N, C-alpha and C. Protein backbone atom coordinates (compact mmCIF):
# COMPACT_ATOMS: atom_id res chain seq x y z
N MET A 1 41.81 97.15 -88.95
CA MET A 1 42.37 98.27 -88.18
C MET A 1 43.90 98.21 -88.25
N ASN A 2 44.56 99.33 -88.66
CA ASN A 2 46.00 99.29 -88.79
C ASN A 2 46.66 99.40 -87.42
N ALA A 3 48.01 99.21 -87.40
CA ALA A 3 48.73 99.15 -86.12
C ALA A 3 48.66 100.48 -85.38
N ALA A 4 48.78 101.59 -86.13
CA ALA A 4 48.75 102.90 -85.47
C ALA A 4 47.40 103.15 -84.81
N ARG A 5 46.32 102.78 -85.51
CA ARG A 5 44.99 102.99 -84.94
C ARG A 5 44.78 102.08 -83.74
N THR A 6 45.30 100.86 -83.80
CA THR A 6 45.19 99.94 -82.66
C THR A 6 45.92 100.50 -81.45
N ALA A 7 47.12 101.07 -81.68
CA ALA A 7 47.88 101.65 -80.58
C ALA A 7 47.14 102.81 -79.95
N ARG A 8 46.53 103.66 -80.77
CA ARG A 8 45.79 104.80 -80.25
C ARG A 8 44.60 104.35 -79.41
N SER A 9 43.90 103.33 -79.88
CA SER A 9 42.71 102.89 -79.16
C SER A 9 43.07 102.23 -77.83
N ALA A 10 44.28 101.64 -77.74
CA ALA A 10 44.69 100.96 -76.52
C ALA A 10 45.35 101.89 -75.52
N ALA A 11 45.83 103.05 -75.99
CA ALA A 11 46.58 103.96 -75.12
C ALA A 11 45.65 104.77 -74.22
N ARG A 12 46.21 105.19 -73.11
CA ARG A 12 45.52 106.12 -72.23
C ARG A 12 45.62 107.53 -72.81
N VAL A 13 44.67 108.38 -72.47
CA VAL A 13 44.59 109.71 -73.06
C VAL A 13 45.35 110.73 -72.22
N ILE A 14 46.10 111.60 -72.91
CA ILE A 14 46.59 112.82 -72.29
C ILE A 14 45.91 113.99 -72.98
N LEU A 15 45.22 114.81 -72.21
CA LEU A 15 44.63 116.03 -72.74
C LEU A 15 45.73 117.06 -72.92
N LEU A 16 45.83 117.62 -74.10
CA LEU A 16 46.84 118.63 -74.40
C LEU A 16 46.13 119.90 -74.84
N GLY A 17 46.04 120.87 -73.93
CA GLY A 17 45.31 122.09 -74.22
C GLY A 17 46.19 123.16 -74.83
N GLY A 18 45.65 123.86 -75.81
CA GLY A 18 46.33 125.00 -76.42
C GLY A 18 45.33 126.12 -76.68
N PHE A 19 45.79 127.35 -76.61
CA PHE A 19 44.90 128.50 -76.70
C PHE A 19 44.79 129.08 -78.10
N GLU A 20 43.61 129.64 -78.37
CA GLU A 20 43.40 130.42 -79.59
C GLU A 20 44.29 131.66 -79.55
N PRO A 21 44.52 132.31 -80.71
CA PRO A 21 45.30 133.56 -80.72
C PRO A 21 44.63 134.64 -79.88
N PHE A 22 45.45 135.56 -79.37
CA PHE A 22 44.91 136.65 -78.56
C PHE A 22 45.80 137.88 -78.69
N HIS A 23 45.27 139.00 -78.25
CA HIS A 23 45.98 140.29 -78.26
C HIS A 23 46.54 140.63 -79.64
N GLY A 24 45.72 140.41 -80.67
CA GLY A 24 46.08 140.82 -82.02
C GLY A 24 46.95 139.86 -82.80
N GLU A 25 47.33 138.74 -82.19
CA GLU A 25 48.15 137.77 -82.91
C GLU A 25 47.30 136.96 -83.89
N ARG A 26 47.93 136.51 -84.97
CA ARG A 26 47.23 135.67 -85.94
C ARG A 26 47.35 134.18 -85.61
N ARG A 27 48.28 133.84 -84.75
CA ARG A 27 48.48 132.45 -84.36
C ARG A 27 48.88 132.40 -82.90
N ASN A 28 48.78 131.21 -82.35
CA ASN A 28 49.25 130.97 -80.99
C ASN A 28 50.01 129.66 -81.02
N PRO A 29 51.31 129.69 -80.73
CA PRO A 29 52.09 128.45 -80.84
C PRO A 29 51.58 127.34 -79.94
N SER A 30 50.91 127.68 -78.85
CA SER A 30 50.40 126.62 -77.98
C SER A 30 49.36 125.77 -78.70
N LEU A 31 48.48 126.41 -79.46
CA LEU A 31 47.48 125.66 -80.22
C LEU A 31 48.12 124.95 -81.40
N ASP A 32 49.10 125.59 -82.04
CA ASP A 32 49.79 124.94 -83.16
C ASP A 32 50.49 123.66 -82.70
N VAL A 33 51.12 123.71 -81.55
CA VAL A 33 51.81 122.52 -81.02
C VAL A 33 50.80 121.43 -80.67
N ALA A 34 49.72 121.82 -79.98
CA ALA A 34 48.71 120.83 -79.61
C ALA A 34 48.13 120.14 -80.84
N ARG A 35 47.84 120.92 -81.86
CA ARG A 35 47.29 120.34 -83.09
C ARG A 35 48.30 119.44 -83.79
N ALA A 36 49.58 119.83 -83.77
CA ALA A 36 50.62 119.03 -84.43
C ALA A 36 50.76 117.66 -83.77
N LEU A 37 50.56 117.59 -82.47
CA LEU A 37 50.72 116.33 -81.74
C LEU A 37 49.43 115.55 -81.59
N ASP A 38 48.31 116.14 -81.95
CA ASP A 38 47.01 115.49 -81.80
C ASP A 38 47.00 114.14 -82.52
N GLY A 39 46.60 113.09 -81.80
CA GLY A 39 46.52 111.76 -82.39
C GLY A 39 47.77 110.93 -82.24
N GLU A 40 48.90 111.54 -81.88
CA GLU A 40 50.12 110.76 -81.66
C GLU A 40 50.00 109.95 -80.36
N VAL A 41 50.69 108.83 -80.32
CA VAL A 41 50.85 108.07 -79.08
C VAL A 41 52.29 108.25 -78.64
N ILE A 42 52.47 108.89 -77.48
CA ILE A 42 53.79 109.26 -76.98
C ILE A 42 53.93 108.71 -75.56
N GLY A 43 54.91 107.87 -75.35
CA GLY A 43 55.12 107.32 -74.02
C GLY A 43 53.92 106.56 -73.50
N GLY A 44 53.17 105.93 -74.40
CA GLY A 44 51.98 105.19 -74.01
C GLY A 44 50.75 106.05 -73.79
N LEU A 45 50.84 107.34 -74.11
CA LEU A 45 49.73 108.27 -73.93
C LEU A 45 49.25 108.77 -75.29
N ALA A 46 47.95 108.65 -75.54
CA ALA A 46 47.36 109.13 -76.79
C ALA A 46 46.98 110.59 -76.63
N VAL A 47 47.55 111.43 -77.47
CA VAL A 47 47.34 112.87 -77.35
C VAL A 47 45.99 113.26 -77.91
N HIS A 48 45.21 113.95 -77.09
CA HIS A 48 43.93 114.53 -77.52
C HIS A 48 44.04 116.03 -77.36
N ALA A 49 44.11 116.77 -78.47
CA ALA A 49 44.25 118.23 -78.43
C ALA A 49 42.92 118.88 -78.05
N LEU A 50 43.02 119.93 -77.27
CA LEU A 50 41.85 120.66 -76.80
C LEU A 50 42.09 122.15 -77.04
N GLN A 51 41.26 122.77 -77.88
CA GLN A 51 41.39 124.21 -78.12
C GLN A 51 40.68 124.97 -77.00
N LEU A 52 41.39 125.94 -76.45
CA LEU A 52 40.88 126.71 -75.31
C LEU A 52 40.66 128.17 -75.70
N PRO A 53 39.58 128.78 -75.24
CA PRO A 53 39.34 130.20 -75.52
C PRO A 53 40.13 131.07 -74.54
N VAL A 54 40.55 132.23 -75.01
CA VAL A 54 41.22 133.18 -74.12
C VAL A 54 40.13 134.06 -73.50
N VAL A 55 39.33 133.42 -72.67
CA VAL A 55 38.19 134.09 -72.02
C VAL A 55 38.09 133.58 -70.59
N TYR A 56 38.07 134.52 -69.64
CA TYR A 56 37.94 134.14 -68.24
C TYR A 56 36.70 133.27 -68.03
N GLY A 57 36.81 132.31 -67.17
CA GLY A 57 35.68 131.44 -66.85
C GLY A 57 35.46 130.37 -67.88
N ARG A 58 35.30 130.77 -69.13
CA ARG A 58 35.00 129.80 -70.18
C ARG A 58 36.14 128.81 -70.40
N ALA A 59 37.38 129.30 -70.33
CA ALA A 59 38.53 128.42 -70.55
C ALA A 59 38.62 127.36 -69.46
N GLY A 60 38.46 127.77 -68.21
CA GLY A 60 38.51 126.82 -67.12
C GLY A 60 37.39 125.80 -67.19
N ARG A 61 36.20 126.27 -67.55
CA ARG A 61 35.07 125.34 -67.66
C ARG A 61 35.30 124.34 -68.78
N ARG A 62 35.92 124.78 -69.86
CA ARG A 62 36.14 123.85 -70.98
C ARG A 62 37.12 122.75 -70.59
N VAL A 63 38.19 123.11 -69.91
CA VAL A 63 39.14 122.05 -69.53
C VAL A 63 38.55 121.14 -68.47
N ALA A 64 37.77 121.69 -67.54
CA ALA A 64 37.13 120.84 -66.53
C ALA A 64 36.14 119.88 -67.17
N SER A 65 35.39 120.37 -68.15
CA SER A 65 34.42 119.53 -68.85
C SER A 65 35.12 118.41 -69.62
N ALA A 66 36.25 118.74 -70.26
CA ALA A 66 36.99 117.73 -71.02
C ALA A 66 37.56 116.66 -70.08
N ILE A 67 38.02 117.06 -68.91
CA ILE A 67 38.53 116.09 -67.94
C ILE A 67 37.41 115.15 -67.51
N ALA A 68 36.24 115.73 -67.22
CA ALA A 68 35.10 114.90 -66.81
C ALA A 68 34.68 113.94 -67.92
N ARG A 69 34.77 114.39 -69.16
CA ARG A 69 34.32 113.56 -70.28
C ARG A 69 35.31 112.45 -70.62
N PHE A 70 36.60 112.80 -70.71
CA PHE A 70 37.59 111.84 -71.21
C PHE A 70 38.26 111.04 -70.10
N GLN A 71 38.16 111.50 -68.84
CA GLN A 71 38.83 110.83 -67.73
C GLN A 71 40.29 110.52 -68.10
N PRO A 72 41.06 111.55 -68.45
CA PRO A 72 42.40 111.33 -68.98
C PRO A 72 43.37 110.78 -67.95
N ALA A 73 44.42 110.15 -68.45
CA ALA A 73 45.49 109.66 -67.58
C ALA A 73 46.46 110.77 -67.23
N ALA A 74 46.44 111.87 -67.98
CA ALA A 74 47.31 113.02 -67.72
C ALA A 74 46.71 114.24 -68.41
N VAL A 75 47.07 115.41 -67.90
CA VAL A 75 46.60 116.67 -68.47
C VAL A 75 47.78 117.62 -68.55
N LEU A 76 47.97 118.22 -69.72
CA LEU A 76 49.04 119.19 -69.91
C LEU A 76 48.50 120.39 -70.66
N GLY A 77 48.60 121.56 -70.05
CA GLY A 77 48.19 122.79 -70.71
C GLY A 77 49.39 123.49 -71.32
N LEU A 78 49.15 124.15 -72.44
CA LEU A 78 50.18 124.94 -73.11
C LEU A 78 49.67 126.36 -73.30
N GLY A 79 50.56 127.32 -73.16
CA GLY A 79 50.18 128.71 -73.39
C GLY A 79 51.36 129.50 -73.93
N GLN A 80 51.08 130.67 -74.48
CA GLN A 80 52.12 131.54 -75.00
C GLN A 80 52.51 132.56 -73.94
N ALA A 81 53.82 132.69 -73.74
CA ALA A 81 54.36 133.75 -72.88
C ALA A 81 55.33 134.56 -73.71
N GLY A 82 54.79 135.46 -74.51
CA GLY A 82 55.62 136.29 -75.37
C GLY A 82 56.62 137.10 -74.57
N GLY A 83 57.87 137.10 -75.02
CA GLY A 83 58.92 137.81 -74.32
C GLY A 83 59.85 136.90 -73.54
N ARG A 84 59.39 135.70 -73.21
CA ARG A 84 60.27 134.76 -72.53
C ARG A 84 61.20 134.11 -73.55
N PRO A 85 62.48 133.94 -73.20
CA PRO A 85 63.43 133.39 -74.17
C PRO A 85 63.48 131.87 -74.19
N VAL A 86 62.83 131.22 -73.23
CA VAL A 86 62.91 129.76 -73.13
C VAL A 86 61.53 129.19 -72.85
N ILE A 87 61.42 127.88 -73.00
CA ILE A 87 60.22 127.16 -72.58
C ILE A 87 60.21 127.11 -71.06
N THR A 88 59.07 127.44 -70.45
CA THR A 88 59.03 127.48 -69.00
C THR A 88 58.02 126.48 -68.45
N LEU A 89 58.47 125.73 -67.45
CA LEU A 89 57.68 124.68 -66.81
C LEU A 89 57.13 125.25 -65.52
N GLU A 90 55.81 125.37 -65.45
CA GLU A 90 55.18 126.08 -64.33
C GLU A 90 55.02 125.19 -63.11
N ARG A 91 55.34 125.76 -61.94
CA ARG A 91 55.28 125.01 -60.70
C ARG A 91 53.95 125.16 -59.95
N ILE A 92 53.36 126.36 -59.98
CA ILE A 92 52.23 126.66 -59.12
C ILE A 92 51.13 127.39 -59.90
N ALA A 93 49.87 127.03 -59.64
CA ALA A 93 48.70 127.78 -60.13
C ALA A 93 48.03 128.40 -58.91
N ILE A 94 47.68 129.68 -58.99
CA ILE A 94 47.08 130.37 -57.86
C ILE A 94 45.60 130.67 -58.14
N ASN A 95 44.85 130.78 -57.07
CA ASN A 95 43.41 131.02 -57.19
C ASN A 95 43.14 132.52 -57.32
N LEU A 96 43.66 133.08 -58.41
CA LEU A 96 43.55 134.51 -58.64
C LEU A 96 43.50 134.80 -60.14
N ALA A 97 42.49 135.55 -60.54
CA ALA A 97 42.39 136.08 -61.90
C ALA A 97 42.56 137.59 -61.81
N ASP A 98 43.66 138.08 -62.33
CA ASP A 98 43.98 139.49 -62.17
C ASP A 98 45.04 139.86 -63.20
N ALA A 99 44.67 140.62 -64.20
CA ALA A 99 45.62 141.00 -65.24
C ALA A 99 45.22 142.34 -65.84
N PRO A 100 46.19 143.13 -66.30
CA PRO A 100 45.87 144.45 -66.84
C PRO A 100 45.30 144.44 -68.25
N ARG A 101 45.38 143.29 -68.93
CA ARG A 101 44.93 143.22 -70.32
C ARG A 101 43.62 142.46 -70.40
N ARG A 102 42.81 142.83 -71.38
CA ARG A 102 41.49 142.22 -71.54
C ARG A 102 41.61 140.85 -72.20
N ASP A 103 40.62 140.01 -71.93
CA ASP A 103 40.56 138.72 -72.61
C ASP A 103 39.91 138.91 -73.98
N ASN A 104 39.71 137.82 -74.70
CA ASN A 104 39.17 137.94 -76.07
C ASN A 104 37.70 138.35 -76.12
N SER A 105 37.05 138.36 -74.98
CA SER A 105 35.67 138.87 -74.93
C SER A 105 35.63 140.34 -74.54
N GLY A 106 36.79 140.90 -74.23
CA GLY A 106 36.86 142.29 -73.80
C GLY A 106 36.79 142.48 -72.30
N ALA A 107 36.77 141.39 -71.55
CA ALA A 107 36.62 141.48 -70.10
C ALA A 107 37.96 141.65 -69.41
N LEU A 108 37.94 142.43 -68.32
CA LEU A 108 39.07 142.56 -67.42
C LEU A 108 38.78 141.78 -66.14
N ALA A 109 39.82 141.36 -65.46
CA ALA A 109 39.65 140.71 -64.16
C ALA A 109 40.61 141.35 -63.17
N ALA A 110 40.12 141.60 -61.97
CA ALA A 110 40.96 142.17 -60.92
C ALA A 110 40.53 141.58 -59.58
N ASP A 111 41.47 140.97 -58.90
CA ASP A 111 41.24 140.44 -57.55
C ASP A 111 40.09 139.44 -57.48
N LYS A 112 39.93 138.63 -58.53
CA LYS A 112 38.85 137.65 -58.55
C LYS A 112 39.41 136.24 -58.39
N PRO A 113 38.72 135.38 -57.67
CA PRO A 113 39.18 133.99 -57.59
C PRO A 113 38.91 133.25 -58.89
N VAL A 114 39.74 132.30 -59.21
CA VAL A 114 39.46 131.42 -60.35
C VAL A 114 38.24 130.56 -60.02
N ILE A 115 38.26 129.99 -58.83
CA ILE A 115 37.15 129.17 -58.34
C ILE A 115 36.83 129.62 -56.91
N ARG A 116 35.65 130.17 -56.73
CA ARG A 116 35.28 130.67 -55.41
C ARG A 116 35.27 129.53 -54.39
N GLY A 117 35.94 129.76 -53.28
CA GLY A 117 36.01 128.74 -52.24
C GLY A 117 37.11 127.73 -52.41
N GLY A 118 37.84 127.80 -53.52
CA GLY A 118 38.93 126.86 -53.74
C GLY A 118 40.15 127.23 -52.91
N PRO A 119 41.10 126.31 -52.80
CA PRO A 119 42.33 126.61 -52.06
C PRO A 119 43.14 127.72 -52.73
N ASP A 120 44.06 128.30 -51.99
CA ASP A 120 44.84 129.42 -52.51
C ASP A 120 45.67 129.03 -53.73
N ALA A 121 46.16 127.81 -53.76
CA ALA A 121 47.06 127.41 -54.85
C ALA A 121 47.11 125.89 -54.96
N TYR A 122 47.54 125.45 -56.14
CA TYR A 122 47.84 124.03 -56.38
C TYR A 122 49.24 123.94 -56.97
N PHE A 123 49.98 122.94 -56.55
CA PHE A 123 51.27 122.66 -57.17
C PHE A 123 51.07 121.75 -58.39
N ALA A 124 51.90 121.96 -59.41
CA ALA A 124 51.88 121.07 -60.58
C ALA A 124 52.20 119.65 -60.15
N ARG A 125 51.62 118.71 -60.87
CA ARG A 125 51.86 117.28 -60.60
C ARG A 125 52.63 116.66 -61.76
N LEU A 126 53.68 117.31 -62.18
CA LEU A 126 54.51 116.81 -63.27
C LEU A 126 55.93 116.58 -62.77
N PRO A 127 56.66 115.65 -63.38
CA PRO A 127 58.08 115.46 -63.05
C PRO A 127 58.92 116.57 -63.68
N LEU A 128 58.80 117.77 -63.10
CA LEU A 128 59.36 118.96 -63.74
C LEU A 128 60.87 118.89 -63.89
N ARG A 129 61.57 118.44 -62.86
CA ARG A 129 63.03 118.36 -62.96
C ARG A 129 63.46 117.37 -64.03
N ALA A 130 62.76 116.26 -64.12
CA ALA A 130 63.10 115.26 -65.14
C ALA A 130 62.84 115.81 -66.53
N ILE A 131 61.75 116.55 -66.69
CA ILE A 131 61.47 117.17 -67.99
C ILE A 131 62.54 118.19 -68.32
N GLU A 132 62.91 119.01 -67.33
CA GLU A 132 63.95 120.02 -67.56
C GLU A 132 65.26 119.37 -68.00
N ARG A 133 65.65 118.28 -67.33
CA ARG A 133 66.89 117.58 -67.70
C ARG A 133 66.81 117.00 -69.11
N ALA A 134 65.65 116.41 -69.45
CA ALA A 134 65.50 115.82 -70.77
C ALA A 134 65.58 116.88 -71.86
N LEU A 135 65.00 118.04 -71.61
CA LEU A 135 65.07 119.12 -72.60
C LEU A 135 66.50 119.64 -72.74
N ALA A 136 67.21 119.76 -71.63
CA ALA A 136 68.61 120.20 -71.70
C ALA A 136 69.44 119.19 -72.49
N HIS A 137 69.18 117.90 -72.28
CA HIS A 137 69.90 116.85 -73.01
C HIS A 137 69.68 116.98 -74.51
N ARG A 138 68.48 117.42 -74.90
CA ARG A 138 68.17 117.59 -76.32
C ARG A 138 68.46 119.01 -76.81
N ARG A 139 69.12 119.80 -75.98
CA ARG A 139 69.54 121.16 -76.33
C ARG A 139 68.35 122.06 -76.67
N ILE A 140 67.30 121.91 -75.88
CA ILE A 140 66.12 122.76 -76.00
C ILE A 140 66.09 123.68 -74.79
N PRO A 141 66.18 124.99 -74.99
CA PRO A 141 66.23 125.92 -73.85
C PRO A 141 64.96 125.86 -73.01
N ALA A 142 65.11 125.61 -71.71
CA ALA A 142 63.95 125.48 -70.82
C ALA A 142 64.37 125.84 -69.40
N ALA A 143 63.38 126.22 -68.59
CA ALA A 143 63.63 126.56 -67.20
C ALA A 143 62.36 126.37 -66.39
N LEU A 144 62.54 126.17 -65.08
CA LEU A 144 61.40 126.13 -64.19
C LEU A 144 60.92 127.55 -63.94
N SER A 145 59.61 127.69 -63.75
CA SER A 145 58.98 128.98 -63.45
C SER A 145 58.14 128.80 -62.19
N LEU A 146 58.19 129.77 -61.28
CA LEU A 146 57.49 129.63 -60.01
C LEU A 146 55.99 129.55 -60.19
N SER A 147 55.43 130.47 -61.00
CA SER A 147 53.97 130.59 -61.07
C SER A 147 53.52 130.79 -62.50
N ALA A 148 52.32 130.30 -62.80
CA ALA A 148 51.73 130.48 -64.13
C ALA A 148 51.14 131.87 -64.32
N GLY A 149 51.35 132.77 -63.36
CA GLY A 149 50.87 134.14 -63.48
C GLY A 149 49.48 134.30 -62.91
N SER A 150 48.70 135.21 -63.50
CA SER A 150 47.32 135.42 -63.02
C SER A 150 46.37 135.72 -64.17
N PHE A 151 46.81 135.41 -65.42
CA PHE A 151 45.92 135.56 -66.58
C PHE A 151 45.27 134.20 -66.84
N ILE A 152 44.84 133.93 -68.02
CA ILE A 152 43.98 132.78 -68.29
C ILE A 152 44.77 131.47 -68.32
N CYS A 153 46.05 131.51 -68.65
CA CYS A 153 46.85 130.28 -68.54
C CYS A 153 46.82 129.75 -67.12
N ASN A 154 47.02 130.64 -66.16
CA ASN A 154 46.95 130.25 -64.75
C ASN A 154 45.57 129.70 -64.41
N SER A 155 44.53 130.36 -64.91
CA SER A 155 43.16 129.91 -64.61
C SER A 155 42.92 128.49 -65.10
N VAL A 156 43.45 128.17 -66.28
CA VAL A 156 43.27 126.82 -66.83
C VAL A 156 44.05 125.80 -66.01
N MET A 157 45.28 126.13 -65.65
CA MET A 157 46.06 125.21 -64.82
C MET A 157 45.37 124.97 -63.48
N TYR A 158 44.88 126.05 -62.87
CA TYR A 158 44.20 125.92 -61.58
C TYR A 158 42.92 125.10 -61.73
N ALA A 159 42.12 125.40 -62.74
CA ALA A 159 40.85 124.69 -62.93
C ALA A 159 41.08 123.21 -63.19
N ALA A 160 42.12 122.87 -63.95
CA ALA A 160 42.41 121.46 -64.22
C ALA A 160 42.80 120.73 -62.94
N LEU A 161 43.68 121.34 -62.17
CA LEU A 161 44.11 120.71 -60.92
C LEU A 161 42.95 120.61 -59.92
N HIS A 162 42.09 121.60 -59.92
CA HIS A 162 40.93 121.55 -59.03
C HIS A 162 39.98 120.42 -59.45
N GLN A 163 39.77 120.28 -60.75
CA GLN A 163 38.91 119.21 -61.24
C GLN A 163 39.47 117.84 -60.88
N LEU A 164 40.79 117.74 -60.80
CA LEU A 164 41.46 116.48 -60.51
C LEU A 164 41.81 116.31 -59.03
N ARG A 165 41.24 117.14 -58.18
CA ARG A 165 41.64 117.12 -56.76
C ARG A 165 41.36 115.79 -56.09
N ARG A 166 40.40 115.02 -56.59
CA ARG A 166 40.11 113.71 -56.02
C ARG A 166 40.80 112.59 -56.78
N ARG A 167 41.63 112.95 -57.73
CA ARG A 167 42.41 111.97 -58.50
C ARG A 167 43.88 112.35 -58.41
N PRO A 168 44.48 112.25 -57.23
CA PRO A 168 45.83 112.78 -57.01
C PRO A 168 46.92 112.10 -57.81
N ALA A 169 46.65 110.93 -58.37
CA ALA A 169 47.69 110.22 -59.13
C ALA A 169 47.78 110.69 -60.58
N VAL A 170 46.86 111.54 -61.02
CA VAL A 170 46.86 111.98 -62.42
C VAL A 170 47.83 113.15 -62.60
N PRO A 171 48.88 112.99 -63.42
CA PRO A 171 49.79 114.11 -63.66
C PRO A 171 49.06 115.27 -64.34
N CYS A 172 49.37 116.49 -63.89
CA CYS A 172 48.72 117.67 -64.45
C CYS A 172 49.62 118.87 -64.27
N GLY A 173 49.74 119.68 -65.30
CA GLY A 173 50.56 120.88 -65.19
C GLY A 173 50.47 121.73 -66.43
N PHE A 174 51.40 122.67 -66.53
CA PHE A 174 51.31 123.68 -67.59
C PHE A 174 52.71 124.08 -68.04
N ILE A 175 52.83 124.31 -69.35
CA ILE A 175 54.08 124.76 -69.97
C ILE A 175 53.81 126.02 -70.78
N HIS A 176 54.64 127.04 -70.57
CA HIS A 176 54.56 128.26 -71.38
C HIS A 176 55.60 128.21 -72.50
N LEU A 177 55.19 128.67 -73.67
CA LEU A 177 56.04 128.68 -74.86
C LEU A 177 56.37 130.10 -75.28
N PRO A 178 57.55 130.32 -75.86
CA PRO A 178 57.90 131.65 -76.39
C PRO A 178 57.11 131.96 -77.66
N TYR A 179 57.35 133.14 -78.20
CA TYR A 179 56.83 133.44 -79.52
C TYR A 179 57.39 132.45 -80.53
N ASP A 180 56.59 132.06 -81.50
CA ASP A 180 57.04 131.32 -82.67
C ASP A 180 57.84 132.28 -83.54
N THR A 181 58.84 131.75 -84.25
CA THR A 181 59.65 132.62 -85.12
C THR A 181 58.80 133.31 -86.18
N ARG A 182 57.66 132.74 -86.55
CA ARG A 182 56.79 133.39 -87.53
C ARG A 182 56.15 134.65 -86.95
N GLN A 183 56.11 134.74 -85.61
CA GLN A 183 55.57 135.94 -84.97
C GLN A 183 56.63 137.02 -84.82
N ALA A 184 57.89 136.69 -85.12
CA ALA A 184 58.98 137.61 -84.85
C ALA A 184 58.87 138.90 -85.66
N LEU A 185 58.22 138.87 -86.81
CA LEU A 185 58.06 140.09 -87.61
C LEU A 185 57.26 141.14 -86.86
N ARG A 186 56.38 140.69 -85.97
CA ARG A 186 55.59 141.63 -85.17
C ARG A 186 56.30 142.00 -83.87
N HIS A 187 57.33 141.25 -83.52
CA HIS A 187 57.99 141.44 -82.23
C HIS A 187 59.51 141.36 -82.45
N LEU A 188 60.04 142.32 -83.16
CA LEU A 188 61.43 142.26 -83.60
C LEU A 188 62.43 142.25 -82.45
N ARG A 189 62.08 142.81 -81.33
CA ARG A 189 63.01 142.89 -80.21
C ARG A 189 62.78 141.79 -79.16
N GLU A 190 61.86 140.89 -79.46
CA GLU A 190 61.54 139.84 -78.51
C GLU A 190 62.14 138.51 -78.96
N PRO A 191 62.52 137.66 -78.00
CA PRO A 191 63.03 136.33 -78.37
C PRO A 191 61.94 135.45 -78.95
N SER A 192 62.33 134.51 -79.76
CA SER A 192 61.38 133.57 -80.36
C SER A 192 62.06 132.22 -80.53
N MET A 193 61.26 131.23 -80.93
CA MET A 193 61.76 129.86 -81.06
C MET A 193 61.04 129.19 -82.23
N PRO A 194 61.73 128.36 -83.01
CA PRO A 194 61.05 127.65 -84.10
C PRO A 194 59.94 126.75 -83.57
N LEU A 195 58.85 126.70 -84.29
CA LEU A 195 57.74 125.86 -83.88
C LEU A 195 58.16 124.40 -83.76
N GLU A 196 59.02 123.95 -84.66
CA GLU A 196 59.46 122.55 -84.63
C GLU A 196 60.17 122.22 -83.32
N MET A 197 60.94 123.17 -82.79
CA MET A 197 61.62 122.94 -81.51
C MET A 197 60.61 122.86 -80.37
N MET A 198 59.57 123.70 -80.42
CA MET A 198 58.54 123.66 -79.38
C MET A 198 57.76 122.35 -79.43
N ILE A 199 57.48 121.87 -80.64
CA ILE A 199 56.80 120.58 -80.78
C ILE A 199 57.65 119.48 -80.17
N GLU A 200 58.94 119.49 -80.46
CA GLU A 200 59.83 118.48 -79.91
C GLU A 200 59.91 118.59 -78.38
N ALA A 201 59.88 119.80 -77.86
CA ALA A 201 59.93 119.99 -76.41
C ALA A 201 58.70 119.39 -75.74
N VAL A 202 57.53 119.64 -76.30
CA VAL A 202 56.31 119.11 -75.69
C VAL A 202 56.23 117.60 -75.87
N ARG A 203 56.67 117.11 -77.01
CA ARG A 203 56.72 115.65 -77.19
C ARG A 203 57.64 115.02 -76.13
N THR A 204 58.77 115.65 -75.88
CA THR A 204 59.69 115.16 -74.86
C THR A 204 59.03 115.17 -73.48
N ALA A 205 58.34 116.25 -73.16
CA ALA A 205 57.66 116.34 -71.86
C ALA A 205 56.65 115.21 -71.69
N ILE A 206 55.90 114.92 -72.75
CA ILE A 206 54.91 113.85 -72.67
C ILE A 206 55.59 112.49 -72.52
N GLU A 207 56.72 112.30 -73.20
CA GLU A 207 57.48 111.06 -73.03
C GLU A 207 57.87 110.86 -71.57
N ILE A 208 58.33 111.92 -70.93
CA ILE A 208 58.77 111.82 -69.53
C ILE A 208 57.57 111.56 -68.62
N ILE A 209 56.46 112.23 -68.88
CA ILE A 209 55.25 112.01 -68.08
C ILE A 209 54.82 110.55 -68.18
N GLY A 210 54.81 110.02 -69.40
CA GLY A 210 54.43 108.62 -69.59
C GLY A 210 55.38 107.66 -68.92
N ALA A 211 56.68 107.96 -68.99
CA ALA A 211 57.68 107.09 -68.38
C ALA A 211 57.55 107.08 -66.86
N HIS A 212 57.27 108.22 -66.27
CA HIS A 212 57.12 108.29 -64.81
C HIS A 212 55.85 107.58 -64.35
N GLN A 213 54.82 107.62 -65.16
CA GLN A 213 53.61 106.88 -64.79
C GLN A 213 53.86 105.37 -64.80
N LYS A 214 54.62 104.90 -65.78
CA LYS A 214 54.93 103.48 -65.86
C LYS A 214 55.81 103.05 -64.69
N GLY A 215 56.68 104.00 -64.27
CA GLY A 215 57.58 103.68 -63.17
C GLY A 215 56.87 103.62 -61.83
């Protein structure tokens, strides 16, 4: 067994979720980033990429099932927020599925709970300020965001935190990414970011998560 494989087998797992393309896109940078980092050991955490469907209910169930199966040391969801000029670190997930656009199954959601009977909201369990500072130090544009919205990214963040409600020491949260520059041809008036910069941003976030766990 080589050194890299030994390190992976000894490391604790961080689940890194990324979504399939949606709303006519051919790619989703969140899934591209998760796949690029899959198998790396970052800050003592072995990255396990998880592909998520852009479908109400199914996405939350998939992340909850993966948490139950892998018992990860940390969970980080990634999603695309086209139109945002920076990487955004989400603070709150709300128990609400409500958006004007259909999911990939064609379903709409309005005024529905993510999990019936669950609390109104969960706060992210990530060292968000430390991640923000580390990204600024590396000249990667980033900002805190109050809420993950009410589409499926929010549902996944909420479902993950709900699944981990009895494991309060496990870091869990969500990061939204801008359009990849390869998507810019379809969105000429929207801001975008090179995929390589987004990969570096998420790698940095995982480094900080791992460092705070050790501390």
